[in-house]
Amino acid sequence: MSTTISHCNEKLKPQVKPDHYYKITYDTPDVVGSVLDIPFPKASFQVVMCCEVLEHLPYENVSRALSEISRVSKQYLVLSIPDRNRFYRLFLHIPKMGTIKKLITLPRIKKPIHIFDGEHYWEIGKAGYPLKRIIGDIKNNGLEVLKTYRVFEMPYHRFFVLRKTEQ
């Protein structure tokens, strides 16, 4: 029921076999809907992934969106939300031992105030939106946080792997 739209980044082409290239197609979506009213029955999907969407809603609507995403999932959810917390990247390569990659979060005395830019209503790490609050609101929606992490190569994106606690 889904249409795959993907492409191979020009920089990656030498590393990807030609039979793995995909032509970009712009077809009409199979389903159009809102994260606040997802047009699928309860427990329609094993896993629901929602990437870089929730910050486009006023924060007072996020709980409703989480509830709706949870409703259409049988058990698991994966979220990605922008994280503006500062960090240092630690990258250490020791021959014959391996590589260590670590993001070290830097505390701020004063969190930056988020100003609506026409797209994002809020972001993790800005004044009023600490990570602790986001995790608390996720838990208040009957979801267990199995893991949360930032990707070393693109730490602006914080991922949450969640499991429904209420069936």
C-alpha atoms as a PDB file:
ATOM      1  CA  MET A   1       0.000   0.000   0.000  1.00  0.00           C
ATOM      2  CA  SER A   2       2.951   2.350   0.102  1.00  0.00           C
ATOM      3  CA  THR A   3       4.951   4.037  -2.596  1.00  0.00           C
ATOM      4  CA  THR A   4       8.703   4.102  -2.085  1.00  0.00           C
ATOM      5  CA  ILE A   5      10.272   7.450  -2.841  1.00  0.00           C
ATOM      6  CA  SER A   6      13.987   7.340  -2.309  1.00  0.00           C
ATOM      7  CA  HIS A   7      17.179   8.319  -3.984  1.00  0.00           C
ATOM      8  CA  CYS A   8      20.878   7.762  -3.644  1.00  0.00           C
ATOM      9  CA  ASN A   9      22.885  10.742  -2.456  1.00  0.00           C
ATOM     10  CA  GLU A  10      25.534  11.692  -5.037  1.00  0.00           C
ATOM     11  CA  LYS A  11      28.323  11.296  -2.434  1.00  0.00           C
ATOM     12  CA  LEU A  12      27.184   7.748  -1.672  1.00  0.00           C
ATOM     13  CA  LYS A  13      26.990   6.521  -5.280  1.00  0.00           C
ATOM     14  CA  PRO A  14      30.545   5.105  -5.336  1.00  0.00           C
ATOM     15  CA  GLN A  15      29.664   3.044  -2.233  1.00  0.00           C
ATOM     16  CA  VAL A  16      26.323   1.736  -3.506  1.00  0.00           C
ATOM     17  CA  LYS A  17      25.883  -0.895  -6.199  1.00  0.00           C
ATOM     18  CA  PRO A  18      24.029   0.381  -9.301  1.00  0.00           C
ATOM     19  CA  ASP A  19      21.177  -2.105  -8.737  1.00  0.00           C
ATOM     20  CA  HIS A  20      20.434  -0.282  -5.457  1.00  0.00           C
ATOM     21  CA  TYR A  21      19.626   3.050  -7.143  1.00  0.00           C
ATOM     22  CA  TYR A  22      16.007   4.064  -7.134  1.00  0.00           C
ATOM     23  CA  LYS A  23      14.316   6.503  -9.402  1.00  0.00           C
ATOM     24  CA  ILE A  24      12.555   9.299  -7.554  1.00  0.00           C
ATOM     25  CA  THR A  25       8.862   9.215  -8.309  1.00  0.00           C
ATOM     26  CA  TYR A  26       6.318  11.756  -7.264  1.00  0.00           C
ATOM     27  CA  ASP A  27       3.071   9.864  -7.137  1.00  0.00           C
ATOM     28  CA  THR A  28      -0.083  10.860  -5.386  1.00  0.00           C
ATOM     29  CA  PRO A  29      -0.024   9.626  -1.781  1.00  0.00           C
ATOM     30  CA  ASP A  30      -2.156   6.597  -1.015  1.00  0.00           C
ATOM     31  CA  VAL A  31      -3.558   8.236   2.114  1.00  0.00           C
ATOM     32  CA  VAL A  32      -3.667  11.853   3.237  1.00  0.00           C
ATOM     33  CA  GLY A  33      -4.484  12.678   6.833  1.00  0.00           C
ATOM     34  CA  SER A  34      -3.558  14.520   9.984  1.00  0.00           C
ATOM     35  CA  VAL A  35      -1.470  13.216  12.871  1.00  0.00           C
ATOM     36  CA  LEU A  36      -4.318  14.504  15.058  1.00  0.00           C
ATOM     37  CA  ASP A  37      -6.852  12.276  13.284  1.00  0.00           C
ATOM     38  CA  ILE A  38      -5.080   9.380  11.557  1.00  0.00           C
ATOM     39  CA  PRO A  39      -7.441   7.705   9.057  1.00  0.00           C
ATOM     40  CA  PHE A  40      -6.709   4.091  10.071  1.00  0.00           C
ATOM     41  CA  PRO A  41      -8.391   1.712  12.514  1.00  0.00           C
ATOM     42  CA  LYS A  42      -6.966   0.940  15.937  1.00  0.00           C
ATOM     43  CA  ALA A  43      -3.796  -1.231  15.959  1.00  0.00           C
ATOM     44  CA  SER A  44      -3.349  -1.104  12.178  1.00  0.00           C
ATOM     45  CA  PHE A  45       0.453  -1.246  12.236  1.00  0.00           C
ATOM     46  CA  GLN A  46       3.114  -3.216  14.112  1.00  0.00           C
ATOM     47  CA  VAL A  47       5.316  -0.109  14.363  1.00  0.00           C
ATOM     48  CA  VAL A  48       4.492   3.518  13.696  1.00  0.00           C
ATOM     49  CA  MET A  49       7.284   5.968  12.887  1.00  0.00           C
ATOM     50  CA  CYS A  50       6.770   9.717  13.153  1.00  0.00           C
ATOM     51  CA  CYS A  51       9.841  11.740  12.196  1.00  0.00           C
ATOM     52  CA  GLU A  52      10.201  15.502  12.504  1.00  0.00           C
ATOM     53  CA  VAL A  53       6.438  16.115  12.650  1.00  0.00           C
ATOM     54  CA  LEU A  54       5.415  16.877  16.242  1.00  0.00           C
ATOM     55  CA  GLU A  55       7.367  20.149  16.474  1.00  0.00           C
ATOM     56  CA  HIS A  56       5.130  21.511  13.701  1.00  0.00           C
ATOM     57  CA  LEU A  57       2.172  21.365  16.116  1.00  0.00           C
ATOM     58  CA  PRO A  58       1.551  23.779  18.970  1.00  0.00           C
ATOM     59  CA  TYR A  59       2.781  21.927  22.067  1.00  0.00           C
ATOM     60  CA  GLU A  60      -0.723  21.736  23.529  1.00  0.00           C
ATOM     61  CA  ASN A  61      -1.641  19.408  20.603  1.00  0.00           C
ATOM     62  CA  VAL A  62       1.314  17.034  21.037  1.00  0.00           C
ATOM     63  CA  SER A  63      -0.434  14.866  23.637  1.00  0.00           C
ATOM     64  CA  ARG A  64      -3.385  14.365  21.292  1.00  0.00           C
ATOM     65  CA  ALA A  65      -0.995  13.487  18.431  1.00  0.00           C
ATOM     66  CA  LEU A  66       0.862  10.964  20.616  1.00  0.00           C
ATOM     67  CA  SER A  67      -2.442   9.412  21.598  1.00  0.00           C
ATOM     68  CA  GLU A  68      -3.460   9.105  17.948  1.00  0.00           C
ATOM     69  CA  ILE A  69      -0.097   7.644  16.868  1.00  0.00           C
ATOM     70  CA  SER A  70      -0.332   5.168  19.736  1.00  0.00           C
ATOM     71  CA  ARG A  71      -3.889   4.245  18.755  1.00  0.00           C
ATOM     72  CA  VAL A  72      -2.898   3.036  15.280  1.00  0.00           C
ATOM     73  CA  SER A  73       0.145   1.121  16.584  1.00  0.00           C
ATOM     74  CA  LYS A  74      -0.122  -2.419  17.894  1.00  0.00           C
ATOM     75  CA  GLN A  75       2.806  -1.971  20.251  1.00  0.00           C
ATOM     76  CA  TYR A  76       5.821   0.096  19.135  1.00  0.00           C
ATOM     77  CA  LEU A  77       6.436   3.693  18.089  1.00  0.00           C
ATOM     78  CA  VAL A  78       9.522   5.534  16.903  1.00  0.00           C
ATOM     79  CA  LEU A  79       9.638   9.320  17.120  1.00  0.00           C
ATOM     80  CA  SER A  80      12.199  11.846  15.961  1.00  0.00           C
ATOM     81  CA  ILE A  81      12.095  15.379  17.356  1.00  0.00           C
ATOM     82  CA  PRO A  82      14.609  18.238  16.950  1.00  0.00           C
ATOM     83  CA  ASP A  83      16.959  18.620  19.929  1.00  0.00           C
ATOM     84  CA  ARG A  84      18.669  22.004  20.306  1.00  0.00           C
ATOM     85  CA  ASN A  85      20.745  21.058  23.352  1.00  0.00           C
ATOM     86  CA  ARG A  86      24.420  21.894  22.842  1.00  0.00           C
ATOM     87  CA  PHE A  87      26.985  19.105  22.702  1.00  0.00           C
ATOM     88  CA  TYR A  88      30.580  18.182  22.043  1.00  0.00           C
ATOM     89  CA  ARG A  89      31.415  15.347  19.685  1.00  0.00           C
ATOM     90  CA  LEU A  90      34.035  12.936  20.978  1.00  0.00           C
ATOM     91  CA  PHE A  91      35.522  10.791  18.235  1.00  0.00           C
ATOM     92  CA  LEU A  92      38.441   8.577  19.129  1.00  0.00           C
ATOM     93  CA  HIS A  93      39.957   5.935  16.889  1.00  0.00           C
ATOM     94  CA  ILE A  94      42.492   3.578  18.426  1.00  0.00           C
ATOM     95  CA  PRO A  95      44.122   1.228  15.904  1.00  0.00           C
ATOM     96  CA  LYS A  96      43.402  -2.444  16.552  1.00  0.00           C
ATOM     97  CA  MET A  97      40.945  -1.477  19.326  1.00  0.00           C
ATOM     98  CA  GLY A  98      38.200   0.353  17.491  1.00  0.00           C
ATOM     99  CA  THR A  99      36.396   3.649  17.439  1.00  0.00           C
ATOM    100  CA  ILE A 100      34.591   5.524  20.197  1.00  0.00           C
ATOM    101  CA  LYS A 101      31.887   8.001  19.223  1.00  0.00           C
ATOM    102  CA  LYS A 102      30.133   9.923  21.968  1.00  0.00           C
ATOM    103  CA  LEU A 103      27.998  13.037  22.207  1.00  0.00           C
ATOM    104  CA  ILE A 104      28.534  14.963  25.414  1.00  0.00           C
ATOM    105  CA  THR A 105      25.683  17.338  26.240  1.00  0.00           C
ATOM    106  CA  LEU A 106      26.729  20.764  27.462  1.00  0.00           C
ATOM    107  CA  PRO A 107      24.513  22.348  30.103  1.00  0.00           C
ATOM    108  CA  ARG A 108      23.254  25.892  29.560  1.00  0.00           C
ATOM    109  CA  ILE A 109      22.721  28.443  32.280  1.00  0.00           C
ATOM    110  CA  LYS A 110      19.959  30.062  30.252  1.00  0.00           C
ATOM    111  CA  LYS A 111      17.998  28.110  27.662  1.00  0.00           C
ATOM    112  CA  PRO A 112      17.268  29.914  24.380  1.00  0.00           C
ATOM    113  CA  ILE A 113      13.694  31.082  23.937  1.00  0.00           C
ATOM    114  CA  HIS A 114      11.956  29.569  20.948  1.00  0.00           C
ATOM    115  CA  ILE A 115      10.493  32.028  18.479  1.00  0.00           C
ATOM    116  CA  PHE A 116       7.973  30.524  16.076  1.00  0.00           C
ATOM    117  CA  ASP A 117       9.582  30.624  12.632  1.00  0.00           C
ATOM    118  CA  GLY A 118       6.509  29.673  10.631  1.00  0.00           C
ATOM    119  CA  GLU A 119       7.434  25.984  10.927  1.00  0.00           C
ATOM    120  CA  HIS A 120       8.517  24.837  14.397  1.00  0.00           C
ATOM    121  CA  TYR A 121       6.389  25.720  17.407  1.00  0.00           C
ATOM    122  CA  TRP A 122       8.897  24.218  19.858  1.00  0.00           C
ATOM    123  CA  GLU A 123      12.119  22.181  20.043  1.00  0.00           C
ATOM    124  CA  ILE A 124      13.749  20.082  22.762  1.00  0.00           C
ATOM    125  CA  GLY A 125      16.314  22.075  24.715  1.00  0.00           C
ATOM    126  CA  LYS A 126      14.671  25.456  24.308  1.00  0.00           C
ATOM    127  CA  ALA A 127      13.137  27.341  27.243  1.00  0.00           C
ATOM    128  CA  GLY A 128      10.044  25.496  28.480  1.00  0.00           C
ATOM    129  CA  TYR A 129      10.816  22.307  26.546  1.00  0.00           C
ATOM    130  CA  PRO A 130      13.506  20.362  28.437  1.00  0.00           C
ATOM    131  CA  LEU A 131      14.028  16.715  27.536  1.00  0.00           C
ATOM    132  CA  LYS A 132      12.649  15.735  30.955  1.00  0.00           C
ATOM    133  CA  ARG A 133       9.304  17.396  30.136  1.00  0.00           C
ATOM    134  CA  ILE A 134       9.049  15.685  26.751  1.00  0.00           C
ATOM    135  CA  ILE A 135       9.777  12.266  28.287  1.00  0.00           C
ATOM    136  CA  GLY A 136       7.232  12.938  31.043  1.00  0.00           C
ATOM    137  CA  ASP A 137       4.552  13.834  28.511  1.00  0.00           C
ATOM    138  CA  ILE A 138       5.354  10.712  26.476  1.00  0.00           C
ATOM    139  CA  LYS A 139       4.940   8.575  29.623  1.00  0.00           C
ATOM    140  CA  ASN A 140       1.698  10.369  30.502  1.00  0.00           C
ATOM    141  CA  ASN A 141       0.329   9.114  27.183  1.00  0.00           C
ATOM    142  CA  GLY A 142       0.747   5.473  28.218  1.00  0.00           C
ATOM    143  CA  LEU A 143       4.079   4.975  26.481  1.00  0.00           C
ATOM    144  CA  GLU A 144       7.287   3.508  27.868  1.00  0.00           C
ATOM    145  CA  VAL A 145      10.564   5.005  26.634  1.00  0.00           C
ATOM    146  CA  LEU A 146      12.713   1.996  25.725  1.00  0.00           C
ATOM    147  CA  LYS A 147      15.514   4.156  24.386  1.00  0.00           C
ATOM    148  CA  THR A 148      16.248   7.755  23.482  1.00  0.00           C
ATOM    149  CA  TYR A 149      19.338   8.834  21.633  1.00  0.00           C
ATOM    150  CA  ARG A 150      20.871  11.314  19.220  1.00  0.00           C
ATOM    151  CA  VAL A 151      22.688  10.148  16.100  1.00  0.00           C
ATOM    152  CA  PHE A 152      26.379  11.086  16.195  1.00  0.00           C
ATOM    153  CA  GLU A 153      26.439  12.194  12.562  1.00  0.00           C
ATOM    154  CA  MET A 154      23.233  14.268  12.862  1.00  0.00           C
ATOM    155  CA  PRO A 155      22.639  15.106  16.541  1.00  0.00           C
ATOM    156  CA  TYR A 156      19.919  17.640  15.779  1.00  0.00           C
ATOM    157  CA  HIS A 157      17.562  14.645  15.582  1.00  0.00           C
ATOM    158  CA  ARG A 158      16.646  12.933  18.867  1.00  0.00           C
ATOM    159  CA  PHE A 159      15.025   9.544  18.485  1.00  0.00           C
ATOM    160  CA  PHE A 160      12.660   7.861  20.912  1.00  0.00           C
ATOM    161  CA  VAL A 161      11.879   4.141  20.752  1.00  0.00           C
ATOM    162  CA  LEU A 162       8.604   3.604  22.592  1.00  0.00           C
ATOM    163  CA  ARG A 163       6.336   0.754  23.624  1.00  0.00           C
ATOM    164  CA  LYS A 164       2.679   1.014  24.541  1.00  0.00           C
ATOM    165  CA  THR A 165       2.068   0.259  28.222  1.00  0.00           C
ATOM    166  CA  GLU A 166      -1.723   0.195  27.831  1.00  0.00           C
ATOM    167  CA  GLN A 167      -3.248  -2.300  25.422  1.00  0.00           C
END
